[in-house]
């Protein structure tokens, strides 16, 4: 054994010993720790209001609407990487919908239930509590799509709409998810799973979009084992990914068939609860944020929104990064929340 091999062996042994010591120091992996209070409940849904030490400096409260896939906790991953904490620090009064974890009793929930039911009820609660006619909505990914639909149906209740990495035009083939979805039998998928799409099934599908990501994760874990802060960063992200709720089959069925396959929202053919969705009825100021390297929601699916809505005050914001990096990356902490809050301030 030459000297170089001996040095590498000794370095690996030292790393393993230190890694063991690091793992012993970690009792629990906490995420979403920013203090909040449950103010409204309906079925599995919980509406939270984030606690503030002082009064908000913005007149209009903000409702965050996250996707039904995964959980909102990615927005509050840890104290130094928290989009929500940054919004609070800027002076916003922040509410958030936690969709909860659907069970067998929820398999028949439809897009109508989510849009005309849950979202509308939460919006009305905030309006009544704060004695305002309209509120601001900040929405993410699929939650953005639902918010665009909602804002088109209830323009008199939305003052400003901010969408993040939101799919609207599903005709693109830029991402594998969009290509695959066009040929899948979603009726068969929903029925075969007895009306409830497992969260693990969806995560496996997302992993297949970037198969080398698993290898990169293993490398990242190996490199971080002897550094407590880096290891906790890794574990928090993995904990968020593992907490993936199942999907109510009927809502999933309509979302995938009417939007991914038939692109009805863009065509003006979408109906939710018997109400025709016309994007020209969305007239509130719009800030549409997309990520340049987004493999889940490519820019081509997001950018067209600005030309489809009836808003005269609308802005397109390009963030250099990926789908998740928009919220948790180091660049995001300095850029995204300040840009969003400054935009809202001008319209408050």
Protein backbone atom coordinates (compact mmCIF):
# COMPACT_ATOMS: atom_id res chain seq x y z
CA UNK A 1 0.00 0.00 0.00
CA UNK A 2 1.59 3.29 -1.12
CA UNK A 3 1.58 6.50 0.92
CA UNK A 4 -1.28 8.06 -1.05
CA UNK A 5 -3.57 5.11 -0.36
CA UNK A 6 -2.64 5.20 3.32
CA UNK A 7 -3.45 8.91 3.50
CA UNK A 8 -6.82 8.37 1.81
CA UNK A 9 -7.64 5.48 4.15
CA UNK A 10 -6.73 7.53 7.21
CA UNK A 11 -8.78 10.48 5.94
CA UNK A 12 -11.81 8.24 5.38
CA UNK A 13 -11.45 6.68 8.82
CA UNK A 14 -11.28 10.13 10.41
CA UNK A 15 -14.36 11.23 8.46
CA UNK A 16 -16.32 8.15 9.55
CA UNK A 17 -15.47 8.70 13.21
CA UNK A 18 -16.48 12.35 12.99
CA UNK A 19 -19.65 11.37 11.12
CA UNK A 20 -20.63 9.06 13.97
CA UNK A 21 -20.12 11.88 16.46
CA UNK A 22 -22.19 14.23 14.27
CA UNK A 23 -25.10 11.79 14.02
CA UNK A 24 -25.13 11.35 17.81
CA UNK A 25 -25.68 15.10 18.21
CA UNK A 26 -28.90 15.10 16.17
CA UNK A 27 -31.99 14.21 18.22
CA UNK A 28 -34.72 15.54 15.93
CA UNK A 29 -35.01 17.20 12.53
CA UNK A 30 -37.36 20.17 12.82
CA UNK A 31 -38.95 21.96 9.89
CA UNK A 32 -41.67 24.64 9.64
CA UNK A 33 -40.89 26.13 13.06
CA UNK A 34 -42.02 29.74 12.46
CA UNK A 35 -44.78 30.34 15.08
CA UNK A 36 -48.35 30.31 13.75
CA UNK A 37 -51.89 29.95 15.02
CA UNK A 38 -54.71 27.84 13.57
CA UNK A 39 -57.62 30.20 12.94
CA UNK A 40 -59.99 28.13 10.77
CA UNK A 41 -60.55 24.43 10.14
CA UNK A 42 -62.62 22.56 7.58
CA UNK A 43 -62.34 18.81 7.04
CA UNK A 44 -58.58 18.10 6.74
CA UNK A 45 -57.77 21.74 5.96
CA UNK A 46 -56.23 24.13 8.48
CA UNK A 47 -55.88 27.85 7.88
CA UNK A 48 -52.94 29.33 9.77
CA UNK A 49 -52.10 32.92 10.59
CA UNK A 50 -48.43 33.51 11.30
CA UNK A 51 -47.71 35.23 14.58
CA UNK A 52 -46.25 38.72 14.54
CA UNK A 53 -44.41 40.59 17.32
CA UNK A 54 -45.69 43.88 15.92
CA UNK A 55 -48.51 45.07 13.69
CA UNK A 56 -48.17 44.44 9.98
CA UNK A 57 -47.03 47.43 7.94
CA UNK A 58 -49.13 46.32 4.95
CA UNK A 59 -52.87 47.03 4.92
CA UNK A 60 -53.82 43.98 2.86
CA UNK A 61 -53.41 40.46 4.33
CA UNK A 62 -51.78 37.74 2.25
CA UNK A 63 -53.00 34.18 1.76
CA UNK A 64 -50.43 31.59 0.67
CA UNK A 65 -51.88 28.75 -1.39
CA UNK A 66 -49.49 25.84 -1.86
CA UNK A 67 -49.79 22.85 -4.16
CA UNK A 68 -51.75 19.75 -3.17
CA UNK A 69 -48.56 17.77 -3.85
CA UNK A 70 -46.03 17.71 -0.97
CA UNK A 71 -46.60 20.20 1.85
CA UNK A 72 -46.19 23.92 2.48
CA UNK A 73 -43.28 23.23 4.86
CA UNK A 74 -40.75 23.78 2.08
CA UNK A 75 -41.58 27.49 2.41
CA UNK A 76 -40.38 27.39 6.03
CA UNK A 77 -37.65 24.76 5.84
CA UNK A 78 -35.36 26.30 8.46
CA UNK A 79 -34.84 29.68 10.09
CA UNK A 80 -32.18 30.90 7.66
CA UNK A 81 -34.00 29.51 4.62
CA UNK A 82 -37.60 30.50 5.18
CA UNK A 83 -39.63 32.34 2.57
CA UNK A 84 -42.40 32.80 5.12
CA UNK A 85 -40.07 34.29 7.71
CA UNK A 86 -38.76 36.70 5.08
CA UNK A 87 -42.31 37.79 4.21
CA UNK A 88 -43.10 38.35 7.88
CA UNK A 89 -39.89 40.32 8.33
CA UNK A 90 -40.94 42.62 5.51
CA UNK A 91 -44.13 43.51 7.37
CA UNK A 92 -46.79 41.28 5.78
CA UNK A 93 -49.78 39.77 7.58
CA UNK A 94 -49.45 36.17 6.39
CA UNK A 95 -52.08 33.41 6.27
CA UNK A 96 -51.46 29.95 4.83
CA UNK A 97 -53.60 26.97 3.83
CA UNK A 98 -52.39 23.60 5.08
CA UNK A 99 -54.31 21.07 2.98
CA UNK A 100 -53.61 18.24 5.40
CA UNK A 101 -53.47 14.57 4.44
CA UNK A 102 -56.49 13.28 2.51
CA UNK A 103 -57.78 9.84 3.44
CA UNK A 104 -60.28 7.42 1.94
CA UNK A 105 -63.19 9.64 2.96
CA UNK A 106 -61.76 12.46 0.82
CA UNK A 107 -61.28 10.56 -2.45
CA UNK A 108 -64.31 12.20 -4.07
CA UNK A 109 -63.11 15.77 -3.45
CA UNK A 110 -63.10 17.62 -6.76
CA UNK A 111 -61.54 20.81 -8.10
CA UNK A 112 -64.89 22.39 -7.31
CA UNK A 113 -64.44 21.47 -3.63
CA UNK A 114 -60.95 22.94 -3.54
CA UNK A 115 -61.63 26.14 -5.49
CA UNK A 116 -65.26 27.07 -4.80
CA UNK A 117 -65.23 25.44 -1.40
CA UNK A 118 -61.98 25.45 0.58
CA UNK A 119 -60.15 28.38 -1.03
CA UNK A 120 -63.25 30.56 -1.17
CA UNK A 121 -64.11 29.82 2.46
CA UNK A 122 -60.58 30.71 3.59
CA UNK A 123 -60.62 33.92 1.55
CA UNK A 124 -63.99 34.89 3.05
CA UNK A 125 -62.73 34.19 6.57
CA UNK A 126 -59.73 36.49 6.04
CA UNK A 127 -61.88 39.19 4.44
CA UNK A 128 -64.36 39.11 7.31
CA UNK A 129 -61.72 38.96 10.04
CA UNK A 130 -59.74 41.87 8.61
CA UNK A 131 -62.77 43.82 7.37
CA UNK A 132 -61.42 44.12 3.83
CA UNK A 133 -63.12 43.56 0.48
CA UNK A 134 -60.09 42.01 -1.20
CA UNK A 135 -56.96 40.12 -0.13
CA UNK A 136 -53.60 39.33 -1.71
CA UNK A 137 -52.89 35.77 -2.85
CA UNK A 138 -49.38 34.28 -3.09
CA UNK A 139 -49.51 30.90 -4.77
CA UNK A 140 -47.06 28.13 -5.60
CA UNK A 141 -46.98 25.57 -8.45
CA UNK A 142 -50.29 23.66 -8.62
CA UNK A 143 -51.59 25.99 -5.92
CA UNK A 144 -50.88 28.76 -8.40
CA UNK A 145 -53.03 27.09 -11.03
CA UNK A 146 -55.89 26.76 -8.54
CA UNK A 147 -55.37 30.41 -7.55
CA UNK A 148 -55.49 31.57 -11.17
CA UNK A 149 -58.76 29.68 -11.57
CA UNK A 150 -60.08 31.16 -8.32
CA UNK A 151 -59.04 34.71 -9.23
CA UNK A 152 -60.83 34.35 -12.57
CA UNK A 153 -64.02 33.22 -10.86
CA UNK A 154 -63.87 35.67 -7.94
CA UNK A 155 -62.07 38.79 -9.21
CA UNK A 156 -63.93 40.97 -6.69
CA UNK A 157 -62.15 39.20 -3.80
CA UNK A 158 -58.53 39.33 -5.03
CA UNK A 159 -56.55 42.55 -4.79
CA UNK A 160 -53.17 41.29 -6.06
CA UNK A 161 -52.09 37.87 -7.31
CA UNK A 162 -48.53 36.55 -7.13
CA UNK A 163 -47.88 33.21 -8.83
CA UNK A 164 -44.69 31.20 -8.37
CA UNK A 165 -43.59 28.49 -10.85
CA UNK A 166 -47.21 28.00 -11.89
CA UNK A 167 -48.29 25.80 -14.82
CA UNK A 168 -51.02 27.37 -16.95
CA UNK A 169 -50.31 26.46 -20.58
CA UNK A 170 -50.01 22.68 -20.63
CA UNK A 171 -49.43 22.36 -24.38
CA UNK A 172 -45.64 22.51 -24.02
CA UNK A 173 -43.42 19.44 -24.37
CA UNK A 174 -40.44 21.08 -22.72
CA UNK A 175 -40.61 18.91 -19.58
CA UNK A 176 -40.86 15.13 -19.29
CA UNK A 177 -43.82 15.45 -16.93
CA UNK A 178 -45.78 17.29 -19.61
CA UNK A 179 -44.83 14.74 -22.30
CA UNK A 180 -45.66 11.69 -20.20
CA UNK A 181 -48.96 13.10 -18.97
CA UNK A 182 -50.37 13.45 -22.46
CA UNK A 183 -50.42 9.66 -22.97
CA UNK A 184 -51.33 8.38 -19.50
CA UNK A 185 -54.68 6.81 -18.63
CA UNK A 186 -55.60 8.79 -15.52
CA UNK A 187 -59.02 7.17 -15.18
CA UNK A 188 -57.31 3.80 -14.87
CA UNK A 189 -54.72 5.23 -12.47
CA UNK A 190 -57.31 6.73 -10.13
CA UNK A 191 -59.61 3.69 -10.22
CA UNK A 192 -56.74 1.24 -9.71
CA UNK A 193 -55.74 3.12 -6.56
CA UNK A 194 -59.33 3.12 -5.25
CA UNK A 195 -59.69 6.88 -5.69
CA UNK A 196 -56.63 7.95 -3.71
CA UNK A 197 -53.29 8.58 -5.47
CA UNK A 198 -50.41 7.67 -3.11
CA UNK A 199 -47.91 10.43 -2.38
CA UNK A 200 -45.05 7.92 -2.67
CA UNK A 201 -46.18 7.04 -6.19
CA UNK A 202 -45.95 10.70 -7.24
CA UNK A 203 -42.52 11.08 -5.61
CA UNK A 204 -41.25 8.08 -7.56
CA UNK A 205 -42.49 9.72 -10.73
CA UNK A 206 -40.71 12.97 -9.87
CA UNK A 207 -37.49 11.01 -9.21
CA UNK A 208 -37.72 9.50 -12.69
CA UNK A 209 -37.70 12.98 -14.24
CA UNK A 210 -34.09 13.43 -13.10
CA UNK A 211 -32.73 9.95 -12.33
CA UNK A 212 -29.21 11.19 -11.56
CA UNK A 213 -30.62 13.24 -8.70
CA UNK A 214 -30.50 10.14 -6.48
CA UNK A 215 -26.78 9.78 -7.10
CA UNK A 216 -26.22 13.46 -6.40
CA UNK A 217 -28.18 13.13 -3.16
CA UNK A 218 -26.04 10.20 -2.03
CA UNK A 219 -22.91 12.19 -2.77
CA UNK A 220 -24.29 15.18 -0.89
CA UNK A 221 -25.11 12.98 2.10
CA UNK A 222 -21.64 11.43 2.13
CA UNK A 223 -19.98 14.83 1.93
CA UNK A 224 -22.09 16.27 4.74
CA UNK A 225 -21.89 13.47 7.31
CA UNK A 226 -19.09 15.11 9.31
CA UNK A 227 -20.65 18.60 9.24
CA UNK A 228 -23.70 19.00 11.48
CA UNK A 229 -25.10 22.10 9.77
CA UNK A 230 -24.77 20.63 6.28
CA UNK A 231 -26.23 17.32 7.43
CA UNK A 232 -29.24 19.04 8.99
CA UNK A 233 -29.79 20.99 5.77
CA UNK A 234 -29.86 17.69 3.89
CA UNK A 235 -32.12 15.93 6.40
CA UNK A 236 -34.65 18.77 6.52
CA UNK A 237 -35.12 18.63 2.78
CA UNK A 238 -35.48 14.84 2.86
CA UNK A 239 -38.01 15.07 5.69
CA UNK A 240 -40.10 17.51 3.64
CA UNK A 241 -40.00 15.22 0.60
CA UNK A 242 -41.01 12.20 2.69
CA UNK A 243 -44.10 13.98 4.05
CA UNK A 244 -46.03 13.66 0.80
CA UNK A 245 -49.82 13.53 1.16
CA UNK A 246 -52.00 11.29 -0.96
CA UNK A 247 -54.14 13.00 -3.60
CA UNK A 248 -57.93 13.05 -3.74
CA UNK A 249 -58.64 11.02 -6.85
CA UNK A 250 -61.42 13.10 -8.41
CA UNK A 251 -59.49 16.36 -8.18
CA UNK A 252 -56.38 14.63 -9.52
CA UNK A 253 -58.38 13.11 -12.37
CA UNK A 254 -59.84 16.43 -13.52
CA UNK A 255 -56.59 18.34 -13.06
CA UNK A 256 -54.60 15.89 -15.16
CA UNK A 257 -57.22 15.27 -17.86
CA UNK A 258 -58.65 18.77 -18.29
CA UNK A 259 -55.37 20.64 -17.93
CA UNK A 260 -52.36 18.44 -18.74
CA UNK A 261 -54.12 16.54 -21.52
CA UNK A 262 -56.76 18.92 -22.91
CA UNK A 263 -55.30 22.32 -21.92
CA UNK A 264 -58.82 23.57 -21.21
CA UNK A 265 -57.76 26.51 -19.03
CA UNK A 266 -55.91 28.22 -21.87
CA UNK A 267 -58.62 27.34 -24.38
CA UNK A 268 -61.36 28.84 -22.21
CA UNK A 269 -63.12 25.48 -21.95
CA UNK A 270 -62.51 24.66 -18.28
CA UNK A 271 -65.52 24.34 -15.98
CA UNK A 272 -65.18 24.12 -12.20
CA UNK A 273 -68.38 23.44 -10.30
CA UNK A 274 -70.44 24.31 -13.35
CA UNK A 275 -68.72 27.69 -13.70
CA UNK A 276 -66.82 28.47 -16.91
CA UNK A 277 -63.33 29.80 -16.20
CA UNK A 278 -62.44 32.81 -18.36
CA UNK A 279 -58.89 34.05 -17.75
CA UNK A 280 -59.84 37.48 -19.08
CA UNK A 281 -61.92 37.89 -15.91
CA UNK A 282 -58.68 37.83 -13.91
CA UNK A 283 -58.14 41.58 -13.70
CA UNK A 284 -56.14 42.03 -10.50
CA UNK A 285 -52.48 43.12 -10.71
CA UNK A 286 -50.38 40.05 -11.47
CA UNK A 287 -46.77 39.17 -10.63
CA UNK A 288 -45.90 35.95 -12.47
CA UNK A 289 -42.63 34.35 -11.30
CA UNK A 290 -40.94 31.54 -13.21
CA UNK A 291 -37.64 29.68 -12.74
CA UNK A 292 -35.29 29.53 -15.71
CA UNK A 293 -34.01 26.00 -14.87
CA UNK A 294 -37.33 24.52 -13.75
CA UNK A 295 -37.64 20.88 -14.88
CA UNK A 296 -41.06 20.36 -13.25
CA UNK A 297 -42.81 23.49 -14.52
CA UNK A 298 -40.84 24.75 -17.54
CA UNK A 299 -40.98 28.48 -18.33
CA UNK A 300 -43.05 27.73 -21.44
CA UNK A 301 -45.89 26.57 -19.19
CA UNK A 302 -45.79 29.71 -17.03
CA UNK A 303 -44.89 32.68 -19.22
CA UNK A 304 -48.08 32.67 -21.39
CA UNK A 305 -50.24 33.56 -18.37
CA UNK A 306 -49.48 37.27 -18.72
CA UNK A 307 -50.94 37.37 -22.23
CA UNK A 308 -54.03 35.39 -21.25
CA UNK A 309 -55.36 37.38 -18.30
CA UNK A 310 -57.40 40.59 -18.37
CA UNK A 311 -55.03 42.45 -16.02
CA UNK A 312 -53.53 45.68 -17.28
CA UNK A 313 -51.00 45.78 -14.43
CA UNK A 314 -48.93 42.62 -14.89
CA UNK A 315 -45.28 41.74 -14.57
CA UNK A 316 -43.19 38.71 -15.50
CA UNK A 317 -40.31 37.91 -13.13
CA UNK A 318 -37.48 35.59 -14.15
CA UNK A 319 -35.63 33.79 -11.34
CA UNK A 320 -32.37 32.10 -12.26
CA UNK A 321 -32.69 28.72 -10.63
CA UNK A 322 -34.76 25.57 -10.32
CA UNK A 323 -38.24 24.72 -9.06
CA UNK A 324 -37.26 24.33 -5.40
CA UNK A 325 -34.31 26.72 -5.47
CA UNK A 326 -36.77 29.58 -5.96
CA UNK A 327 -37.63 29.23 -2.27
CA UNK A 328 -34.76 27.52 -0.44
CA UNK A 329 -31.60 28.54 -2.29
CA UNK A 330 -29.19 31.08 -0.84
CA UNK A 331 -29.90 33.43 -3.74
CA UNK A 332 -33.61 33.26 -3.00
CA UNK A 333 -33.21 34.54 0.57
CA UNK A 334 -31.72 37.78 -0.72
CA UNK A 335 -33.81 38.22 -3.85
CA UNK A 336 -37.29 36.71 -3.92
CA UNK A 337 -39.10 37.97 -0.81
CA UNK A 338 -37.74 41.53 -1.19
CA UNK A 339 -38.88 41.61 -4.84
CA UNK A 340 -42.36 40.28 -4.02
CA UNK A 341 -42.92 42.53 -0.99
CA UNK A 342 -41.70 45.61 -2.89
CA UNK A 343 -44.14 44.80 -5.69
CA UNK A 344 -47.00 44.40 -3.21
CA UNK A 345 -46.03 47.59 -1.36
CA UNK A 346 -46.55 49.68 -4.49
CA UNK A 347 -50.06 48.26 -4.78
CA UNK A 348 -51.06 48.35 -1.11
